[in-house]
Amino acid sequence: MTFAASAWPARLVFMGLVLLGRTVSPALAQSPPDAAHVARYQRACEGGAAVACYNLGLAYATGAGVPLDLARAAALYRRACDRGEPLGCQNLAMAYATGSGVPLDSAQAATLSQQACDGGDASGCFNLALAYAHGSGVALDVARATALYQKACDGREFQACTNLGWVYEHGTGVPQDGERAATLYQKACDGGDAFGCFDLGLAYQHGSGVPQGTVRAAALFQQACDGGSPQACAILIAALETAGYEEACEKRGDLRACNNLGMSYAQGIGVPRDPARAAGLYRKACNLGEDAACNNLAGAYLDGSGVARDTVLAAGLYRVACERGDAVGCTNLGVAYEHGWGLHRDATRAVALYREACNAGDAEGCRNLERIKRLNRTKRP
């Protein structure tokens, strides 16, 4: 299975704020709290235990053992934070960042994330990094964001490792370093961040900081897809579709599949982008009677994509497609007549072709026909 060289950009995890949803009281079970647990949290919180206030806030935030009450949750997170529990500060920061139970306030969110980070919570450092990366509640500061990503990554907040990898891959405020980026993506992936796996897959696909390897890339895209990365799933689907086109074209002589495979190569979907290979596939299908392939080959000649630019040949191929009944080919031939691309300009002929294409169901032909009609009405004295 092969993959597109440029189908998907490296993913940035910016704005992926972390809400801590784990029960941290060592004396209590890690399963969702029931009424008995909530009662214990209540008593412990009233007795001054900061972590119990955090756990009680989490119960109200999720409606676990108590009615859902975001305002009550925020008040309990504040109590936990004021008593020195960094997890309380971080979830209160999230409340302000999202307006959950408190007014939306990005500056307050950043302040609380700073407090959580200072208290040793890596998620707070990551969220503060996001704030500095975007100037959300604080002044934009890429260097500060990078340092905080590093601190959060060192603290095993693996989304931060992915973002730090992106920073090094693209040289954003730091010297570009593909090897370091790949190492960080690997750490993130090993830690369970699906998007770290996805970006590492892209690194192997491109040979960026690691030896190029499509088999390794495929395994990482599968891991990322299984972990929730929609981009990775899309790449896998595209690769499977392209593999199907290739088999149908090469083994069964399916001309439509040859045309679709050409489009995959032209756009770099499921395979490395290869305009020359695309043009060859269009030519094969066109010569054997696939109308749409003639239209696509004409476009390649018009743009000089994978072949030497030749507007005369492009216009001739549009004519072939149109005469075979391809409505899009008729529209494109009309454009060639309207602009004089590869043949003498002829507005009357262009209008006739747009009308033919429109009657055959091509929306672009209808739009071009209406556009020319409006221009003619405007020109009348």
Protein backbone atom coordinates (compact mmCIF):
# COMPACT_ATOMS: atom_id res chain seq x y z
CA MET A 1 0.00 0.00 0.00
CA THR A 2 1.36 3.43 -0.90
CA PHE A 3 0.46 6.84 0.44
CA ALA A 4 0.22 10.36 -0.89
CA ALA A 5 3.29 12.48 -0.47
CA SER A 6 1.28 15.63 0.12
CA ALA A 7 -2.30 14.63 0.79
CA TRP A 8 -2.28 15.77 4.41
CA PRO A 9 -0.22 18.39 6.20
CA ALA A 10 1.30 17.65 9.56
CA ARG A 11 -1.35 18.13 12.20
CA LEU A 12 -1.08 20.83 14.81
CA VAL A 13 -2.72 20.02 18.14
CA PHE A 14 -3.25 23.68 19.02
CA MET A 15 -6.30 24.45 21.15
CA GLY A 16 -6.53 20.86 22.36
CA LEU A 17 -7.07 21.96 25.95
CA VAL A 18 -6.79 19.19 28.52
CA LEU A 19 -9.54 18.66 31.08
CA LEU A 20 -8.40 16.42 33.88
CA GLY A 21 -11.06 13.81 34.52
CA ARG A 22 -9.34 11.38 36.82
CA THR A 23 -10.14 10.68 40.46
CA VAL A 24 -6.96 11.24 42.42
CA SER A 25 -7.84 10.45 46.04
CA PRO A 26 -5.67 7.42 46.91
CA ALA A 27 -8.17 6.24 49.50
CA LEU A 28 -11.02 5.87 47.02
CA ALA A 29 -11.76 3.63 44.06
CA GLN A 30 -10.86 4.88 40.56
CA SER A 31 -14.27 3.96 39.11
CA PRO A 32 -16.93 6.70 38.72
CA PRO A 33 -18.01 7.83 42.20
CA ASP A 34 -21.31 6.63 43.63
CA ALA A 35 -23.36 8.39 46.29
CA ALA A 36 -21.21 6.92 49.09
CA HIS A 37 -18.02 8.20 47.50
CA VAL A 38 -19.56 11.61 46.94
CA ALA A 39 -20.52 11.79 50.61
CA ARG A 40 -16.93 10.99 51.59
CA TYR A 41 -15.62 13.65 49.21
CA GLN A 42 -18.03 16.15 50.74
CA ARG A 43 -16.93 15.42 54.29
CA ALA A 44 -13.23 15.44 53.36
CA CYS A 45 -13.57 18.67 51.41
CA GLU A 46 -15.35 20.36 54.30
CA GLY A 47 -12.51 19.14 56.51
CA GLY A 48 -9.94 20.95 54.33
CA ALA A 49 -8.75 18.18 51.97
CA ALA A 50 -8.00 19.91 48.67
CA VAL A 51 -7.95 16.74 46.59
CA ALA A 52 -11.40 15.80 47.92
CA CYS A 53 -12.73 19.18 46.75
CA TYR A 54 -11.27 18.48 43.32
CA ASN A 55 -12.86 15.03 43.20
CA LEU A 56 -16.19 16.42 44.33
CA GLY A 57 -15.94 19.11 41.64
CA LEU A 58 -15.30 16.41 39.07
CA ALA A 59 -18.40 14.55 40.23
CA TYR A 60 -20.56 17.67 39.77
CA ALA A 61 -18.91 18.41 36.39
CA THR A 62 -19.81 14.95 35.06
CA GLY A 63 -23.02 14.27 36.97
CA ALA A 64 -21.47 11.19 38.58
CA GLY A 65 -23.36 10.39 41.78
CA VAL A 66 -24.84 13.91 41.93
CA PRO A 67 -26.91 16.11 39.59
CA LEU A 68 -24.83 17.82 36.91
CA ASP A 69 -23.91 21.32 38.15
CA LEU A 70 -21.10 23.12 36.31
CA ALA A 71 -21.21 26.20 38.53
CA ARG A 72 -20.90 24.03 41.65
CA ALA A 73 -18.04 22.14 39.99
CA ALA A 74 -16.17 25.37 39.24
CA ALA A 75 -16.61 26.57 42.83
CA LEU A 76 -15.18 23.29 44.12
CA TYR A 77 -12.25 23.43 41.69
CA ARG A 78 -11.55 26.93 42.99
CA ARG A 79 -11.59 25.68 46.57
CA ALA A 80 -9.18 22.89 45.63
CA CYS A 81 -6.93 25.30 43.75
CA ASP A 82 -6.87 27.81 46.62
CA ARG A 83 -5.80 24.97 48.92
CA GLY A 84 -2.86 24.06 46.70
CA GLU A 85 -4.23 21.30 44.45
CA PRO A 86 -2.88 21.97 40.90
CA LEU A 87 -5.51 19.70 39.32
CA GLY A 88 -8.19 21.98 40.72
CA CYS A 89 -6.42 24.98 39.18
CA GLN A 90 -6.22 23.24 35.82
CA ASN A 91 -9.88 22.26 35.66
CA LEU A 92 -10.91 25.71 36.81
CA ALA A 93 -8.74 27.09 33.98
CA MET A 94 -10.65 24.87 31.58
CA ALA A 95 -13.93 26.16 32.98
CA TYR A 96 -12.87 29.76 32.25
CA ALA A 97 -11.49 28.79 28.82
CA THR A 98 -14.82 27.25 27.80
CA GLY A 99 -17.28 29.28 29.89
CA SER A 100 -18.42 26.18 31.80
CA GLY A 101 -20.10 27.30 35.02
CA VAL A 102 -18.20 30.61 35.00
CA PRO A 103 -17.97 33.51 32.53
CA LEU A 104 -15.64 32.97 29.58
CA ASP A 105 -12.30 34.57 30.52
CA SER A 106 -9.14 33.58 28.61
CA ALA A 107 -6.88 35.75 30.78
CA GLN A 108 -8.12 34.06 33.95
CA ALA A 109 -7.73 30.68 32.26
CA ALA A 110 -4.09 31.44 31.45
CA THR A 111 -3.41 32.62 34.98
CA LEU A 112 -4.85 29.42 36.42
CA SER A 113 -2.97 27.24 33.93
CA GLN A 114 0.21 29.01 35.07
CA GLN A 115 -0.69 28.20 38.66
CA ALA A 116 -1.32 24.56 37.75
CA CYS A 117 1.95 24.35 35.82
CA ASP A 118 3.88 25.90 38.69
CA GLY A 119 2.29 23.30 40.95
CA GLY A 120 3.69 20.47 38.85
CA ASP A 121 0.73 19.64 36.60
CA ALA A 122 1.97 18.95 33.05
CA SER A 123 -1.50 19.51 31.57
CA GLY A 124 -1.43 23.03 32.96
CA CYS A 125 1.90 23.61 31.25
CA PHE A 126 0.50 22.31 27.96
CA ASN A 127 -2.59 24.51 28.11
CA LEU A 128 -0.46 27.50 29.03
CA ALA A 129 1.74 26.72 26.02
CA LEU A 130 -1.35 26.81 23.81
CA ALA A 131 -2.28 30.17 25.28
CA TYR A 132 1.15 31.63 24.48
CA ALA A 133 1.17 30.03 21.01
CA HIS A 134 -2.08 31.82 20.14
CA GLY A 135 -1.94 34.90 22.33
CA SER A 136 -5.07 33.74 24.16
CA GLY A 137 -5.28 35.62 27.47
CA VAL A 138 -1.55 36.39 27.29
CA ALA A 139 0.75 38.12 24.83
CA LEU A 140 1.77 35.93 21.88
CA ASP A 141 5.16 34.39 22.69
CA VAL A 142 6.36 31.49 20.53
CA ALA A 143 9.57 30.98 22.52
CA ARG A 144 7.61 30.74 25.77
CA ALA A 145 5.16 28.34 24.18
CA THR A 146 8.03 26.11 23.02
CA ALA A 147 9.60 26.04 26.47
CA LEU A 148 6.24 25.10 27.99
CA TYR A 149 5.66 22.34 25.44
CA GLN A 150 9.03 20.94 26.46
CA LYS A 151 8.17 21.12 30.15
CA ALA A 152 4.80 19.48 29.56
CA CYS A 153 6.32 16.80 27.35
CA ASP A 154 8.94 16.06 30.00
CA GLY A 155 6.02 15.69 32.41
CA ARG A 156 4.44 13.03 30.14
CA GLU A 157 1.73 15.21 28.66
CA PHE A 158 2.07 13.56 25.27
CA GLN A 159 0.00 16.03 23.23
CA ALA A 160 2.71 18.54 24.12
CA CYS A 161 5.35 16.20 22.65
CA THR A 162 3.40 16.16 19.38
CA ASN A 163 3.18 19.95 19.26
CA LEU A 164 6.85 20.31 20.15
CA GLY A 165 7.67 17.89 17.34
CA TRP A 166 5.71 20.09 14.94
CA VAL A 167 7.66 23.13 16.12
CA TYR A 168 10.98 21.40 15.34
CA GLU A 169 9.76 19.89 12.07
CA HIS A 170 8.82 23.32 10.73
CA GLY A 171 11.49 25.38 12.46
CA THR A 172 8.97 27.64 14.17
CA GLY A 173 11.10 29.81 16.46
CA VAL A 174 13.76 27.06 16.68
CA PRO A 175 16.29 25.60 14.22
CA GLN A 176 14.53 23.10 11.95
CA ASP A 177 15.37 19.56 13.07
CA GLY A 178 13.53 16.67 11.42
CA GLU A 179 15.25 14.00 13.51
CA ARG A 180 14.29 15.66 16.78
CA ALA A 181 10.74 16.12 15.51
CA ALA A 182 10.48 12.42 14.67
CA THR A 183 11.84 11.48 18.10
CA LEU A 184 9.19 13.64 19.74
CA TYR A 185 6.42 12.19 17.57
CA GLN A 186 7.60 8.72 18.56
CA LYS A 187 7.46 9.64 22.24
CA ALA A 188 3.95 11.05 21.81
CA CYS A 189 2.81 7.99 19.88
CA ASP A 190 4.28 5.62 22.46
CA GLY A 191 2.43 7.61 25.11
CA GLY A 192 -0.92 7.11 23.40
CA ASP A 193 -1.37 10.35 21.44
CA ALA A 194 -2.94 9.33 18.13
CA PHE A 195 -1.84 12.52 16.41
CA GLY A 196 1.76 11.85 17.37
CA CYS A 197 1.39 8.51 15.57
CA PHE A 198 -0.13 10.32 12.59
CA ASP A 199 2.68 12.86 12.34
CA LEU A 200 5.27 10.12 12.76
CA GLY A 201 3.54 8.26 9.92
CA LEU A 202 3.92 11.36 7.75
CA ALA A 203 7.59 11.53 8.70
CA TYR A 204 8.14 7.94 7.52
CA GLN A 205 6.07 8.58 4.43
CA HIS A 206 8.22 11.56 3.44
CA GLY A 207 11.52 10.32 4.89
CA SER A 208 11.63 13.40 7.13
CA GLY A 209 14.03 12.80 10.02
CA VAL A 210 13.68 9.04 9.60
CA PRO A 211 14.36 6.62 6.72
CA GLN A 212 11.47 6.63 4.26
CA GLY A 213 9.28 3.58 4.71
CA THR A 214 5.74 3.10 3.44
CA VAL A 215 5.19 -0.10 5.45
CA ARG A 216 6.10 1.66 8.69
CA ALA A 217 3.96 4.65 7.66
CA ALA A 218 0.99 2.38 6.99
CA ALA A 219 1.28 0.78 10.43
CA LEU A 220 1.44 4.18 12.10
CA PHE A 221 -1.53 5.53 10.16
CA GLN A 222 -3.50 2.47 11.24
CA GLN A 223 -2.48 3.02 14.86
CA ALA A 224 -3.42 6.69 14.60
CA CYS A 225 -6.77 5.88 12.98
CA ASP A 226 -7.55 3.33 15.70
CA GLY A 227 -6.67 6.00 18.26
CA GLY A 228 -9.08 8.57 16.83
CA SER A 229 -7.20 10.54 14.15
CA PRO A 230 -9.64 11.24 11.28
CA GLN A 231 -6.78 12.36 9.02
CA ALA A 232 -5.09 8.99 9.37
CA CYS A 233 -8.34 7.15 8.63
CA ALA A 234 -8.82 9.27 5.50
CA ILE A 235 -5.33 8.43 4.26
CA LEU A 236 -5.97 4.72 4.76
CA ILE A 237 -9.28 4.91 2.90
CA ALA A 238 -7.69 6.84 0.03
CA ALA A 239 -4.88 4.30 -0.23
CA LEU A 240 -7.34 1.41 -0.34
CA GLU A 241 -9.45 3.12 -2.99
CA THR A 242 -6.38 3.85 -5.09
CA ALA A 243 -5.17 0.27 -4.76
CA GLY A 244 -8.57 -0.84 -6.06
CA TYR A 245 -8.31 1.52 -9.04
CA GLU A 246 -4.85 0.21 -9.83
CA GLU A 247 -5.95 -3.41 -9.82
CA ALA A 248 -9.05 -2.68 -11.90
CA CYS A 249 -7.08 -0.63 -14.42
CA GLU A 250 -4.04 -2.86 -14.80
CA LYS A 251 -5.61 -6.29 -14.45
CA ARG A 252 -9.13 -5.84 -15.78
CA GLY A 253 -8.68 -2.97 -18.20
CA ASP A 254 -11.39 -0.89 -16.51
CA LEU A 255 -11.07 2.46 -18.27
CA ARG A 256 -12.96 4.43 -15.63
CA ALA A 257 -10.60 2.99 -13.02
CA CYS A 258 -7.63 4.08 -15.15
CA ASN A 259 -9.04 7.61 -15.26
CA ASN A 260 -9.64 7.60 -11.49
CA LEU A 261 -6.15 6.26 -10.88
CA GLY A 262 -4.82 9.10 -13.02
CA MET A 263 -6.71 11.58 -10.85
CA SER A 264 -5.18 9.97 -7.75
CA TYR A 265 -1.68 10.45 -9.17
CA ALA A 266 -2.49 13.99 -10.30
CA GLN A 267 -3.64 15.01 -6.81
CA GLY A 268 -1.40 12.78 -4.68
CA ILE A 269 -4.32 10.93 -3.11
CA GLY A 270 -3.34 7.49 -1.86
CA VAL A 271 -0.14 7.54 -3.95
CA PRO A 272 2.81 9.92 -4.33
CA ARG A 273 1.85 12.82 -6.62
CA ASP A 274 3.05 12.06 -10.15
CA PRO A 275 1.58 14.29 -12.91
CA ALA A 276 3.44 12.42 -15.66
CA ARG A 277 2.00 9.08 -14.51
CA ALA A 278 -1.43 10.74 -14.34
CA ALA A 279 -1.14 11.98 -17.92
CA GLY A 280 -0.10 8.52 -19.09
CA LEU A 281 -3.14 6.95 -17.47
CA TYR A 282 -5.45 9.60 -18.93
CA ARG A 283 -3.97 8.94 -22.38
CA LYS A 284 -4.44 5.19 -22.06
CA ALA A 285 -8.08 5.56 -21.04
CA CYS A 286 -8.83 8.29 -23.59
CA ASN A 287 -7.37 6.29 -26.48
CA LEU A 288 -9.59 3.37 -25.53
CA GLY A 289 -12.77 5.45 -25.34
CA GLU A 290 -13.10 6.94 -21.81
CA ASP A 291 -14.52 10.43 -22.43
CA ALA A 292 -13.68 11.90 -19.01
CA ALA A 293 -10.06 10.82 -19.43
CA CYS A 294 -9.82 12.83 -22.66
CA ASN A 295 -11.08 15.85 -20.76
CA ASN A 296 -8.54 15.30 -17.97
CA LEU A 297 -5.70 14.79 -20.47
CA ALA A 298 -6.73 18.04 -22.15
CA GLY A 299 -6.46 19.78 -18.80
CA ALA A 300 -2.97 18.36 -18.33
CA TYR A 301 -1.87 19.77 -21.70
CA LEU A 302 -3.54 23.11 -20.99
CA ASP A 303 -1.69 23.42 -17.65
CA GLY A 304 1.53 21.70 -18.69
CA SER A 305 1.05 19.20 -15.86
CA GLY A 306 3.12 16.06 -16.49
CA VAL A 307 3.37 16.94 -20.20
CA ALA A 308 4.67 19.86 -22.24
CA ARG A 309 2.07 22.63 -22.40
CA ASP A 310 0.17 22.49 -25.70
CA THR A 311 -3.05 24.50 -25.96
CA VAL A 312 -3.81 23.28 -29.49
CA LEU A 313 -3.67 19.66 -28.39
CA ALA A 314 -5.72 20.55 -25.29
CA ALA A 315 -8.46 22.09 -27.41
CA GLY A 316 -8.46 19.05 -29.70
CA LEU A 317 -8.88 16.70 -26.73
CA TYR A 318 -11.71 18.81 -25.33
CA ARG A 319 -13.36 18.47 -28.74
CA VAL A 320 -12.95 14.68 -28.66
CA ALA A 321 -14.48 14.52 -25.17
CA CYS A 322 -17.38 16.75 -26.18
CA GLU A 323 -18.11 14.83 -29.38
CA ARG A 324 -18.17 11.61 -27.36
CA GLY A 325 -20.87 13.08 -25.15
CA ASP A 326 -18.88 14.39 -22.17
CA ALA A 327 -20.70 17.54 -21.02
CA VAL A 328 -17.70 18.83 -19.08
CA GLY A 329 -15.60 18.49 -22.22
CA CYS A 330 -18.15 20.66 -24.06
CA THR A 331 -17.94 23.31 -21.35
CA ASN A 332 -14.15 23.31 -21.48
CA LEU A 333 -14.16 23.49 -25.28
CA GLY A 334 -16.49 26.48 -24.94
CA VAL A 335 -13.97 28.12 -22.59
CA ALA A 336 -11.23 27.47 -25.15
CA TYR A 337 -13.31 29.19 -27.86
CA GLU A 338 -14.23 32.06 -25.55
CA HIS A 339 -10.60 32.79 -24.65
CA GLY A 340 -8.87 31.64 -27.82
CA TRP A 341 -6.90 28.84 -26.17
CA GLY A 342 -5.47 26.67 -28.96
CA LEU A 343 -7.97 27.87 -31.60
CA HIS A 344 -9.46 31.08 -32.94
CA ARG A 345 -11.64 32.97 -30.52
CA ASP A 346 -15.31 32.50 -31.34
CA ALA A 347 -17.88 33.77 -28.81
CA THR A 348 -20.82 32.42 -30.79
CA ARG A 349 -19.37 28.94 -30.84
CA ALA A 350 -18.57 29.24 -27.10
CA VAL A 351 -22.22 30.08 -26.31
CA ALA A 352 -23.44 27.14 -28.37
CA LEU A 353 -21.11 24.79 -26.50
CA TYR A 354 -22.12 26.17 -23.10
CA ARG A 355 -25.77 25.66 -24.06
CA GLU A 356 -25.04 22.09 -25.18
CA ALA A 357 -23.21 21.36 -21.92
CA CYS A 358 -25.94 22.96 -19.83
CA ASN A 359 -28.66 20.94 -21.57
CA ALA A 360 -26.60 17.82 -20.85
CA GLY A 361 -26.55 18.64 -17.14
CA ASP A 362 -23.20 20.37 -16.55
CA ALA A 363 -23.72 23.14 -13.99
CA GLU A 364 -20.57 25.01 -15.01
CA GLY A 365 -21.83 25.16 -18.58
CA CYS A 366 -25.09 26.68 -17.31
CA ARG A 367 -23.20 29.26 -15.23
CA ASN A 368 -21.01 30.26 -18.16
CA LEU A 369 -24.05 30.57 -20.41
CA GLU A 370 -25.84 32.80 -17.90
CA ARG A 371 -22.67 34.88 -17.40
CA ILE A 372 -22.42 35.63 -21.11
CA LYS A 373 -26.11 36.48 -21.30
CA ARG A 374 -25.68 39.01 -18.48
CA LEU A 375 -22.67 40.54 -20.22
CA ASN A 376 -24.62 40.91 -23.46
CA ARG A 377 -27.51 42.59 -21.65
CA THR A 378 -25.08 45.00 -19.99
CA LYS A 379 -23.52 45.97 -23.35
CA ARG A 380 -26.84 47.07 -24.91
CA PRO A 381 -27.27 50.87 -25.20
